[in-house]
C-alpha atoms as a PDB file:
ATOM      1  CA  UNK A   1      10.403  11.100  -2.407  1.00  0.00           C
ATOM      2  CA  UNK A   2      11.299  12.282   1.069  1.00  0.00           C
ATOM      3  CA  UNK A   3       8.558  12.507   3.716  1.00  0.00           C
ATOM      4  CA  UNK A   4       9.841  14.773   6.478  1.00  0.00           C
ATOM      5  CA  UNK A   5       6.913  15.161   8.866  1.00  0.00           C
ATOM      6  CA  UNK A   6       5.538  12.679  11.388  1.00  0.00           C
ATOM      7  CA  UNK A   7       2.032  13.456  12.649  1.00  0.00           C
ATOM      8  CA  UNK A   8       1.258  11.480  15.797  1.00  0.00           C
ATOM      9  CA  UNK A   9      -2.169  11.030  17.374  1.00  0.00           C
ATOM     10  CA  UNK A  10      -1.571  11.353  21.110  1.00  0.00           C
ATOM     11  CA  UNK A  11      -5.016  12.258  22.450  1.00  0.00           C
ATOM     12  CA  UNK A  12      -6.082   8.839  23.731  1.00  0.00           C
ATOM     13  CA  UNK A  13      -7.378   8.290  27.249  1.00  0.00           C
ATOM     14  CA  UNK A  14      -6.211   4.683  27.477  1.00  0.00           C
ATOM     15  CA  UNK A  15      -9.097   3.464  29.606  1.00  0.00           C
ATOM     16  CA  UNK A  16      -7.877  -0.152  29.468  1.00  0.00           C
ATOM     17  CA  UNK A  17      -4.591   0.982  31.032  1.00  0.00           C
ATOM     18  CA  UNK A  18      -6.143   2.431  34.172  1.00  0.00           C
ATOM     19  CA  UNK A  19      -4.975   3.316  36.777  1.00  0.00           C
ATOM     20  CA  UNK A  20      -1.820   4.192  34.796  1.00  0.00           C
ATOM     21  CA  UNK A  21      -3.824   6.665  32.721  1.00  0.00           C
ATOM     22  CA  UNK A  22      -6.023   8.178  35.436  1.00  0.00           C
ATOM     23  CA  UNK A  23      -3.989  11.389  35.282  1.00  0.00           C
ATOM     24  CA  UNK A  24      -1.737  10.677  32.347  1.00  0.00           C
ATOM     25  CA  UNK A  25      -2.238  10.526  28.564  1.00  0.00           C
ATOM     26  CA  UNK A  26      -1.889   7.032  27.144  1.00  0.00           C
ATOM     27  CA  UNK A  27       1.295   7.724  25.099  1.00  0.00           C
ATOM     28  CA  UNK A  28       3.051   8.969  28.251  1.00  0.00           C
ATOM     29  CA  UNK A  29       2.643   5.702  30.142  1.00  0.00           C
ATOM     30  CA  UNK A  30       6.086   4.521  31.226  1.00  0.00           C
ATOM     31  CA  UNK A  31       7.743   1.503  29.629  1.00  0.00           C
ATOM     32  CA  UNK A  32      11.029   0.570  31.310  1.00  0.00           C
ATOM     33  CA  UNK A  33      11.056   3.986  33.038  1.00  0.00           C
ATOM     34  CA  UNK A  34      10.635   6.024  29.852  1.00  0.00           C
ATOM     35  CA  UNK A  35       7.410   7.358  28.294  1.00  0.00           C
ATOM     36  CA  UNK A  36       6.199   5.140  25.455  1.00  0.00           C
ATOM     37  CA  UNK A  37       6.009   8.175  23.164  1.00  0.00           C
ATOM     38  CA  UNK A  38       9.712   8.863  23.651  1.00  0.00           C
ATOM     39  CA  UNK A  39      10.603   5.497  22.116  1.00  0.00           C
ATOM     40  CA  UNK A  40       8.493   6.427  19.106  1.00  0.00           C
ATOM     41  CA  UNK A  41      10.231   9.791  18.699  1.00  0.00           C
ATOM     42  CA  UNK A  42      13.644   8.096  18.892  1.00  0.00           C
ATOM     43  CA  UNK A  43      12.620   5.445  16.356  1.00  0.00           C
ATOM     44  CA  UNK A  44      11.481   8.058  13.857  1.00  0.00           C
ATOM     45  CA  UNK A  45      14.532  10.227  14.453  1.00  0.00           C
ATOM     46  CA  UNK A  46      16.744   7.224  13.672  1.00  0.00           C
ATOM     47  CA  UNK A  47      14.931   7.093  10.311  1.00  0.00           C
ATOM     48  CA  UNK A  48      15.851  10.691   9.538  1.00  0.00           C
ATOM     49  CA  UNK A  49      12.556  12.306  10.574  1.00  0.00           C
ATOM     50  CA  UNK A  50      13.076  15.561  12.430  1.00  0.00           C
ATOM     51  CA  UNK A  51       9.696  17.336  12.203  1.00  0.00           C
ATOM     52  CA  UNK A  52       6.848  16.220  14.454  1.00  0.00           C
ATOM     53  CA  UNK A  53       3.280  17.322  15.009  1.00  0.00           C
ATOM     54  CA  UNK A  54       1.527  15.951  18.088  1.00  0.00           C
ATOM     55  CA  UNK A  55      -2.282  15.895  17.918  1.00  0.00           C
ATOM     56  CA  UNK A  56      -3.039  16.141  21.621  1.00  0.00           C
ATOM     57  CA  UNK A  57      -6.148  15.990  23.758  1.00  0.00           C
ATOM     58  CA  UNK A  58      -6.491  14.244  27.120  1.00  0.00           C
ATOM     59  CA  UNK A  59      -3.813  15.702  29.449  1.00  0.00           C
ATOM     60  CA  UNK A  60      -2.009  17.032  26.405  1.00  0.00           C
ATOM     61  CA  UNK A  61      -0.327  19.641  28.587  1.00  0.00           C
ATOM     62  CA  UNK A  62       1.747  16.867  30.164  1.00  0.00           C
ATOM     63  CA  UNK A  63       3.049  15.825  26.760  1.00  0.00           C
ATOM     64  CA  UNK A  64       4.082  19.388  25.957  1.00  0.00           C
ATOM     65  CA  UNK A  65       5.644  19.864  29.393  1.00  0.00           C
ATOM     66  CA  UNK A  66       7.826  16.802  28.817  1.00  0.00           C
ATOM     67  CA  UNK A  67       8.830  17.260  25.177  1.00  0.00           C
ATOM     68  CA  UNK A  68       8.484  21.036  24.795  1.00  0.00           C
ATOM     69  CA  UNK A  69       9.868  21.973  21.340  1.00  0.00           C
ATOM     70  CA  UNK A  70      11.760  18.691  20.956  1.00  0.00           C
ATOM     71  CA  UNK A  71      15.222  20.278  21.037  1.00  0.00           C
ATOM     72  CA  UNK A  72      16.432  17.914  23.784  1.00  0.00           C
ATOM     73  CA  UNK A  73      15.927  15.070  21.297  1.00  0.00           C
ATOM     74  CA  UNK A  74      17.364  16.905  18.294  1.00  0.00           C
ATOM     75  CA  UNK A  75      13.948  17.285  16.628  1.00  0.00           C
ATOM     76  CA  UNK A  76      11.304  19.976  16.174  1.00  0.00           C
ATOM     77  CA  UNK A  77       7.898  19.344  17.766  1.00  0.00           C
ATOM     78  CA  UNK A  78       4.712  21.340  17.173  1.00  0.00           C
ATOM     79  CA  UNK A  79       1.293  20.739  18.719  1.00  0.00           C
ATOM     80  CA  UNK A  80      -2.388  20.826  17.872  1.00  0.00           C
ATOM     81  CA  UNK A  81      -4.752  20.652  20.852  1.00  0.00           C
ATOM     82  CA  UNK A  82      -8.388  19.595  20.743  1.00  0.00           C
ATOM     83  CA  UNK A  83     -10.630  21.156  23.397  1.00  0.00           C
ATOM     84  CA  UNK A  84     -13.034  18.223  23.298  1.00  0.00           C
ATOM     85  CA  UNK A  85     -12.750  14.683  21.988  1.00  0.00           C
ATOM     86  CA  UNK A  86     -12.876  14.813  18.176  1.00  0.00           C
ATOM     87  CA  UNK A  87     -11.785  11.315  17.174  1.00  0.00           C
ATOM     88  CA  UNK A  88      -8.784  10.525  15.001  1.00  0.00           C
ATOM     89  CA  UNK A  89     -10.323  12.146  11.936  1.00  0.00           C
ATOM     90  CA  UNK A  90     -11.483  15.245  13.760  1.00  0.00           C
ATOM     91  CA  UNK A  91      -8.086  15.780  15.378  1.00  0.00           C
ATOM     92  CA  UNK A  92      -6.394  15.474  12.000  1.00  0.00           C
ATOM     93  CA  UNK A  93      -8.767  17.907  10.321  1.00  0.00           C
ATOM     94  CA  UNK A  94      -8.311  20.407  13.154  1.00  0.00           C
ATOM     95  CA  UNK A  95      -4.567  20.410  12.461  1.00  0.00           C
ATOM     96  CA  UNK A  96      -4.947  20.846   8.700  1.00  0.00           C
ATOM     97  CA  UNK A  97      -3.019  24.126   8.501  1.00  0.00           C
ATOM     98  CA  UNK A  98       0.012  22.517  10.164  1.00  0.00           C
ATOM     99  CA  UNK A  99       0.199  19.511   7.871  1.00  0.00           C
ATOM    100  CA  UNK A 100       2.766  19.204   5.099  1.00  0.00           C
ATOM    101  CA  UNK A 101       1.629  18.054   1.654  1.00  0.00           C
ATOM    102  CA  UNK A 102       2.760  14.479   2.464  1.00  0.00           C
ATOM    103  CA  UNK A 103       3.282  13.126   5.963  1.00  0.00           C
ATOM    104  CA  UNK A 104       3.576  10.018   8.072  1.00  0.00           C
ATOM    105  CA  UNK A 105       0.550   9.453  10.282  1.00  0.00           C
ATOM    106  CA  UNK A 106       1.055   7.346  13.390  1.00  0.00           C
ATOM    107  CA  UNK A 107      -0.848   6.375  16.504  1.00  0.00           C
ATOM    108  CA  UNK A 108       0.851   7.367  19.733  1.00  0.00           C
ATOM    109  CA  UNK A 109       0.143   4.002  21.343  1.00  0.00           C
ATOM    110  CA  UNK A 110       1.739   1.863  18.615  1.00  0.00           C
ATOM    111  CA  UNK A 111       5.396   1.171  17.787  1.00  0.00           C
ATOM    112  CA  UNK A 112       6.393  -0.257  14.414  1.00  0.00           C
ATOM    113  CA  UNK A 113      10.163  -0.810  13.935  1.00  0.00           C
ATOM    114  CA  UNK A 114      10.510  -0.660  10.153  1.00  0.00           C
ATOM    115  CA  UNK A 115      12.558   1.243   7.582  1.00  0.00           C
ATOM    116  CA  UNK A 116      10.497   4.424   7.168  1.00  0.00           C
ATOM    117  CA  UNK A 117      12.607   5.682   4.272  1.00  0.00           C
ATOM    118  CA  UNK A 118      11.818   2.474   2.397  1.00  0.00           C
ATOM    119  CA  UNK A 119       8.111   2.919   3.135  1.00  0.00           C
ATOM    120  CA  UNK A 120       8.206   6.505   1.824  1.00  0.00           C
ATOM    121  CA  UNK A 121       9.880   5.271  -1.367  1.00  0.00           C
ATOM    122  CA  UNK A 122       7.132   2.671  -1.789  1.00  0.00           C
ATOM    123  CA  UNK A 123       4.551   5.431  -1.374  1.00  0.00           C
ATOM    124  CA  UNK A 124       6.154   7.395  -4.206  1.00  0.00           C
ATOM    125  CA  UNK A 125       6.230   4.355  -6.473  1.00  0.00           C
ATOM    126  CA  UNK A 126       2.594   3.266  -6.066  1.00  0.00           C
ATOM    127  CA  UNK A 127       1.141   6.751  -6.675  1.00  0.00           C
ATOM    128  CA  UNK A 128      -1.845   6.302  -4.355  1.00  0.00           C
ATOM    129  CA  UNK A 129      -3.150   8.910  -1.916  1.00  0.00           C
ATOM    130  CA  UNK A 130      -2.481   6.778   1.161  1.00  0.00           C
ATOM    131  CA  UNK A 131      -0.089   3.930   1.923  1.00  0.00           C
ATOM    132  CA  UNK A 132      -0.948   1.784   4.946  1.00  0.00           C
ATOM    133  CA  UNK A 133       1.535  -0.461   6.758  1.00  0.00           C
ATOM    134  CA  UNK A 134       0.057  -3.907   7.363  1.00  0.00           C
ATOM    135  CA  UNK A 135       1.326  -6.980   9.190  1.00  0.00           C
ATOM    136  CA  UNK A 136       0.500 -10.662   8.682  1.00  0.00           C
ATOM    137  CA  UNK A 137       0.652 -11.614  12.386  1.00  0.00           C
ATOM    138  CA  UNK A 138       3.362 -14.231  11.815  1.00  0.00           C
ATOM    139  CA  UNK A 139       4.561 -13.124  15.253  1.00  0.00           C
ATOM    140  CA  UNK A 140       1.229 -12.854  17.064  1.00  0.00           C
ATOM    141  CA  UNK A 141       0.523  -9.268  18.098  1.00  0.00           C
ATOM    142  CA  UNK A 142      -2.693 -10.119  19.908  1.00  0.00           C
ATOM    143  CA  UNK A 143      -4.529  -7.827  17.472  1.00  0.00           C
ATOM    144  CA  UNK A 144      -7.116  -9.569  15.245  1.00  0.00           C
ATOM    145  CA  UNK A 145      -6.911  -9.338  11.465  1.00  0.00           C
ATOM    146  CA  UNK A 146      -8.774  -6.280  10.204  1.00  0.00           C
ATOM    147  CA  UNK A 147      -7.543  -5.816   6.614  1.00  0.00           C
ATOM    148  CA  UNK A 148      -8.320  -7.955   3.560  1.00  0.00           C
ATOM    149  CA  UNK A 149      -5.858  -8.247   0.664  1.00  0.00           C
ATOM    150  CA  UNK A 150      -7.049 -10.409  -2.214  1.00  0.00           C
ATOM    151  CA  UNK A 151      -5.207 -12.895  -4.430  1.00  0.00           C
ATOM    152  CA  UNK A 152      -4.368 -10.166  -6.917  1.00  0.00           C
ATOM    153  CA  UNK A 153      -2.537  -8.312  -4.104  1.00  0.00           C
ATOM    154  CA  UNK A 154      -5.093  -5.541  -3.850  1.00  0.00           C
ATOM    155  CA  UNK A 155      -6.352  -4.134  -0.567  1.00  0.00           C
ATOM    156  CA  UNK A 156     -10.087  -4.696  -0.860  1.00  0.00           C
ATOM    157  CA  UNK A 157     -11.579  -3.994   2.558  1.00  0.00           C
ATOM    158  CA  UNK A 158     -11.149  -2.993   6.169  1.00  0.00           C
ATOM    159  CA  UNK A 159     -13.635  -3.251   8.973  1.00  0.00           C
ATOM    160  CA  UNK A 160     -14.937  -0.893  11.617  1.00  0.00           C
ATOM    161  CA  UNK A 161     -13.978  -1.526  15.206  1.00  0.00           C
ATOM    162  CA  UNK A 162     -16.288  -4.142  16.626  1.00  0.00           C
ATOM    163  CA  UNK A 163     -17.967  -4.698  13.259  1.00  0.00           C
ATOM    164  CA  UNK A 164     -16.406  -7.568  11.381  1.00  0.00           C
ATOM    165  CA  UNK A 165     -18.019  -6.764   8.041  1.00  0.00           C
ATOM    166  CA  UNK A 166     -15.157  -7.880   5.788  1.00  0.00           C
ATOM    167  CA  UNK A 167     -14.478 -11.345   4.442  1.00  0.00           C
ATOM    168  CA  UNK A 168     -11.127 -13.153   4.296  1.00  0.00           C
ATOM    169  CA  UNK A 169      -9.320 -10.792   6.649  1.00  0.00           C
ATOM    170  CA  UNK A 170      -5.640 -11.686   6.476  1.00  0.00           C
ATOM    171  CA  UNK A 171      -3.594  -8.691   7.698  1.00  0.00           C
ATOM    172  CA  UNK A 172      -3.536  -6.227  10.601  1.00  0.00           C
ATOM    173  CA  UNK A 173      -3.466  -2.468  10.313  1.00  0.00           C
ATOM    174  CA  UNK A 174       0.029  -1.800  11.723  1.00  0.00           C
ATOM    175  CA  UNK A 175      -0.697   1.797  12.699  1.00  0.00           C
ATOM    176  CA  UNK A 176       1.536   3.723  10.273  1.00  0.00           C
ATOM    177  CA  UNK A 177       0.444   5.515   7.103  1.00  0.00           C
ATOM    178  CA  UNK A 178       1.881   7.879   4.526  1.00  0.00           C
ATOM    179  CA  UNK A 179      -0.840  10.369   3.680  1.00  0.00           C
ATOM    180  CA  UNK A 180      -1.477  12.972   1.014  1.00  0.00           C
ATOM    181  CA  UNK A 181      -2.932  16.059   2.689  1.00  0.00           C
ATOM    182  CA  UNK A 182      -5.705  16.153   0.072  1.00  0.00           C
ATOM    183  CA  UNK A 183      -7.495  13.247   1.779  1.00  0.00           C
ATOM    184  CA  UNK A 184      -8.357  15.524   4.719  1.00  0.00           C
ATOM    185  CA  UNK A 185     -11.213  16.706   2.510  1.00  0.00           C
ATOM    186  CA  UNK A 186     -12.842  13.283   2.990  1.00  0.00           C
ATOM    187  CA  UNK A 187     -13.217  13.798   6.740  1.00  0.00           C
ATOM    188  CA  UNK A 188     -16.670  14.892   7.842  1.00  0.00           C
ATOM    189  CA  UNK A 189     -17.091  18.114   9.798  1.00  0.00           C
ATOM    190  CA  UNK A 190     -19.242  16.477  12.463  1.00  0.00           C
ATOM    191  CA  UNK A 191     -17.163  15.112  15.337  1.00  0.00           C
ATOM    192  CA  UNK A 192     -16.127  12.835  16.841  1.00  0.00           C
ATOM    193  CA  UNK A 193     -15.166  11.029  13.658  1.00  0.00           C
ATOM    194  CA  UNK A 194     -12.756   8.158  13.036  1.00  0.00           C
ATOM    195  CA  UNK A 195     -10.198   8.530  10.254  1.00  0.00           C
ATOM    196  CA  UNK A 196     -10.048   4.754   9.835  1.00  0.00           C
ATOM    197  CA  UNK A 197     -13.806   4.219   9.678  1.00  0.00           C
ATOM    198  CA  UNK A 198     -14.577   7.243   7.513  1.00  0.00           C
ATOM    199  CA  UNK A 199     -11.627   7.587   5.156  1.00  0.00           C
ATOM    200  CA  UNK A 200     -10.428   4.017   4.583  1.00  0.00           C
ATOM    201  CA  UNK A 201     -13.657   2.828   2.890  1.00  0.00           C
ATOM    202  CA  UNK A 202     -13.760   5.860   0.587  1.00  0.00           C
ATOM    203  CA  UNK A 203     -10.125   5.404  -0.397  1.00  0.00           C
ATOM    204  CA  UNK A 204     -10.680   1.699  -1.071  1.00  0.00           C
ATOM    205  CA  UNK A 205     -13.694   2.518  -3.254  1.00  0.00           C
ATOM    206  CA  UNK A 206     -11.547   4.953  -5.265  1.00  0.00           C
ATOM    207  CA  UNK A 207      -8.551   2.566  -5.375  1.00  0.00           C
ATOM    208  CA  UNK A 208      -6.451   5.149  -3.536  1.00  0.00           C
ATOM    209  CA  UNK A 209      -5.440   3.041  -0.520  1.00  0.00           C
ATOM    210  CA  UNK A 210      -2.401   0.841  -1.011  1.00  0.00           C
ATOM    211  CA  UNK A 211      -0.399  -1.175   1.496  1.00  0.00           C
ATOM    212  CA  UNK A 212       3.134  -1.776   2.657  1.00  0.00           C
ATOM    213  CA  UNK A 213       3.890  -5.135   4.269  1.00  0.00           C
ATOM    214  CA  UNK A 214       5.798  -4.425   7.461  1.00  0.00           C
ATOM    215  CA  UNK A 215       8.986  -6.434   7.783  1.00  0.00           C
ATOM    216  CA  UNK A 216       8.665  -6.512  11.585  1.00  0.00           C
ATOM    217  CA  UNK A 217       5.772  -6.843  13.991  1.00  0.00           C
ATOM    218  CA  UNK A 218       4.251  -3.847  15.723  1.00  0.00           C
ATOM    219  CA  UNK A 219       3.740  -3.343  19.446  1.00  0.00           C
ATOM    220  CA  UNK A 220       0.796  -1.471  20.884  1.00  0.00           C
ATOM    221  CA  UNK A 221      -0.020  -0.620  24.486  1.00  0.00           C
ATOM    222  CA  UNK A 222      -3.753  -1.174  24.294  1.00  0.00           C
ATOM    223  CA  UNK A 223      -3.783  -2.985  27.623  1.00  0.00           C
ATOM    224  CA  UNK A 224      -1.454  -3.943  30.472  1.00  0.00           C
ATOM    225  CA  UNK A 225      -0.351  -7.237  28.922  1.00  0.00           C
ATOM    226  CA  UNK A 226       0.588  -5.550  25.647  1.00  0.00           C
ATOM    227  CA  UNK A 227       2.498  -2.892  27.556  1.00  0.00           C
ATOM    228  CA  UNK A 228       4.480  -5.663  29.252  1.00  0.00           C
ATOM    229  CA  UNK A 229       5.058  -7.255  25.854  1.00  0.00           C
ATOM    230  CA  UNK A 230       6.571  -4.001  24.596  1.00  0.00           C
ATOM    231  CA  UNK A 231       8.768  -3.754  27.682  1.00  0.00           C
ATOM    232  CA  UNK A 232      10.112  -7.235  27.014  1.00  0.00           C
ATOM    233  CA  UNK A 233      10.920  -6.151  23.452  1.00  0.00           C
ATOM    234  CA  UNK A 234      12.724  -3.026  24.680  1.00  0.00           C
ATOM    235  CA  UNK A 235      14.799  -5.067  27.126  1.00  0.00           C
ATOM    236  CA  UNK A 236      15.967  -7.371  24.328  1.00  0.00           C
ATOM    237  CA  UNK A 237      17.134  -4.282  22.397  1.00  0.00           C
ATOM    238  CA  UNK A 238      18.967  -2.639  25.291  1.00  0.00           C
ATOM    239  CA  UNK A 239      20.620  -5.632  26.922  1.00  0.00           C
ATOM    240  CA  UNK A 240      23.671  -6.706  24.945  1.00  0.00           C
END
């Protein structure tokens, strides 16, 4: 099955990246003189994805001013703007009418260099509502384990940010999902609301959340050191 749309959450303030984010949305922070979000667009385009939906909030106008309709990158970009902070779940629900029946969901501060076509094929084969990319931290990302997969290879739990309420955590959420639009119905109307904290547990309880083991590590720009880590990765890819 082909998944043609990438929905990217780009509304973060990036408080741990200040002063770089004082007047700039987190995904637009420069890495090697190019906005982080641009690397993500190029990665997805190289995997055949041409349709994008940016879920914007904080200084979202700067994202639109830079990317516009995406034609300079050979892609098509649409936008959904939140007027106030709604959380990842709220932003996704707000954009419901612009979502395709199946779509990739990504975080605009995380870069996962994998084969997205292969992940979409895995999604088709497992017949679950959501497929989550996970990573085993064999190359330390600096992100603590937050997903538990048991000995029978079943994803059994995730934990809320700051609340380590799961046992035997052995993988990291790698920040990429394939999602069936139907799961938007699980998001509460009251905002702000987290997609991860609200929807993951319900999907696990219904055995509708499966996983895809990422073949490469992910990079996030949650703080200055991780941003530098991503820049070092980019330099290894561009210097021959």
